[in-house]
Protein backbone atom coordinates (compact mmCIF):
# COMPACT_ATOMS: atom_id res chain seq x y z
CA MET A 1 -26.29 10.36 30.33
CA THR A 2 -25.92 10.43 34.12
CA VAL A 3 -28.47 11.87 36.55
CA THR A 4 -27.03 12.82 39.94
CA VAL A 5 -28.70 14.10 43.09
CA GLY A 6 -26.39 16.34 45.13
CA GLN A 7 -24.66 14.26 47.81
CA SER A 8 -25.99 16.45 50.61
CA ASP A 9 -29.52 15.92 49.19
CA GLU A 10 -29.50 12.11 48.99
CA LEU A 11 -31.20 12.02 52.39
CA ALA A 12 -33.43 15.06 52.88
CA ASN A 13 -36.01 16.04 55.45
CA ALA A 14 -39.12 18.20 55.04
CA THR A 15 -37.13 21.41 55.56
CA GLU A 16 -34.71 20.52 52.76
CA SER A 17 -37.40 19.24 50.36
CA THR A 18 -37.63 22.58 48.55
CA ASP A 19 -33.86 22.76 47.97
CA ILE A 20 -32.79 19.56 46.17
CA ALA A 21 -29.98 19.76 43.58
CA VAL A 22 -30.13 17.54 40.49
CA SER A 23 -27.57 17.51 37.69
CA VAL A 24 -27.63 15.72 34.35
CA ALA A 25 -24.26 15.09 32.67
CA GLY A 26 -23.21 13.51 29.41
CA VAL A 27 -25.90 15.27 27.38
CA ASP A 28 -25.19 15.75 23.67
CA GLY A 29 -23.84 19.18 22.82
CA ASP A 30 -26.72 19.85 20.43
CA ALA A 31 -29.41 19.23 23.06
CA VAL A 32 -31.87 22.10 23.30
CA GLY A 33 -33.43 21.20 26.63
CA VAL A 34 -33.57 18.85 29.60
CA SER A 35 -36.72 18.31 31.65
CA ILE A 36 -36.69 16.77 35.16
CA VAL A 37 -39.58 14.95 36.89
CA VAL A 38 -39.36 13.47 40.40
CA SER A 39 -41.85 10.82 41.49
CA ASP A 40 -42.58 8.93 44.70
CA SER A 41 -43.64 5.34 45.42
CA ASN A 42 -47.33 6.36 45.38
CA ASN A 43 -47.13 7.51 41.71
CA ASN A 44 -47.23 11.20 42.67
CA SER A 45 -44.83 13.40 40.74
CA THR A 46 -43.62 16.94 40.35
CA ALA A 47 -44.56 18.91 37.29
CA PRO A 48 -41.76 18.75 34.70
CA ILE A 49 -39.19 21.49 35.31
CA ASN A 50 -36.67 22.71 32.80
CA ALA A 51 -33.04 22.28 33.74
CA THR A 52 -30.52 25.03 33.02
CA LEU A 53 -27.29 24.49 31.10
CA SER A 54 -24.45 25.20 33.53
CA GLN A 55 -21.02 26.64 32.82
CA VAL A 56 -19.66 23.08 32.65
CA ALA A 57 -20.12 21.75 29.11
CA GLY A 58 -22.91 19.22 28.84
CA VAL A 59 -24.12 19.52 32.45
CA TRP A 60 -27.68 20.64 33.10
CA THR A 61 -28.92 21.51 36.60
CA ALA A 62 -32.31 21.82 38.28
CA ALA A 63 -33.72 22.30 41.78
CA PRO A 64 -37.07 20.48 41.96
CA ASP A 65 -39.40 21.11 44.90
CA VAL A 66 -40.29 17.64 46.24
CA SER A 67 -42.20 18.84 49.32
CA ALA A 68 -45.56 17.58 47.98
CA LEU A 69 -44.25 14.03 47.45
CA SER A 70 -44.55 11.17 49.93
CA ALA A 71 -41.66 10.43 52.27
CA GLY A 72 -39.40 7.61 51.15
CA GLN A 73 -37.48 6.71 48.03
CA LEU A 74 -37.90 9.10 45.09
CA THR A 75 -37.18 8.50 41.40
CA VAL A 76 -35.65 11.18 39.18
CA THR A 77 -36.39 11.04 35.43
CA ALA A 78 -34.64 13.25 32.91
CA THR A 79 -35.87 13.79 29.35
CA VAL A 80 -33.51 15.34 26.80
CA THR A 81 -34.80 17.26 23.79
CA ASP A 82 -32.31 17.00 20.96
CA ASP A 83 -31.88 19.44 18.08
């Protein structure tokens, strides 16, 4: 499984913080869901959001709002629910 933040979103400012693109590839075909959480260095995190299966087989996408998180490096965690 590979989690990717859109290249144009790897360095975002406050204006862009509500429009971040995250994709998760290499997910088993029988997965029934993917949940994304983004956290900052102060242990704040977004609420889990459900990713959507895209037209590309096995790729799930989400657009988390990270505006409430502290500036700096963020960590993206993906959880897959298998059938």
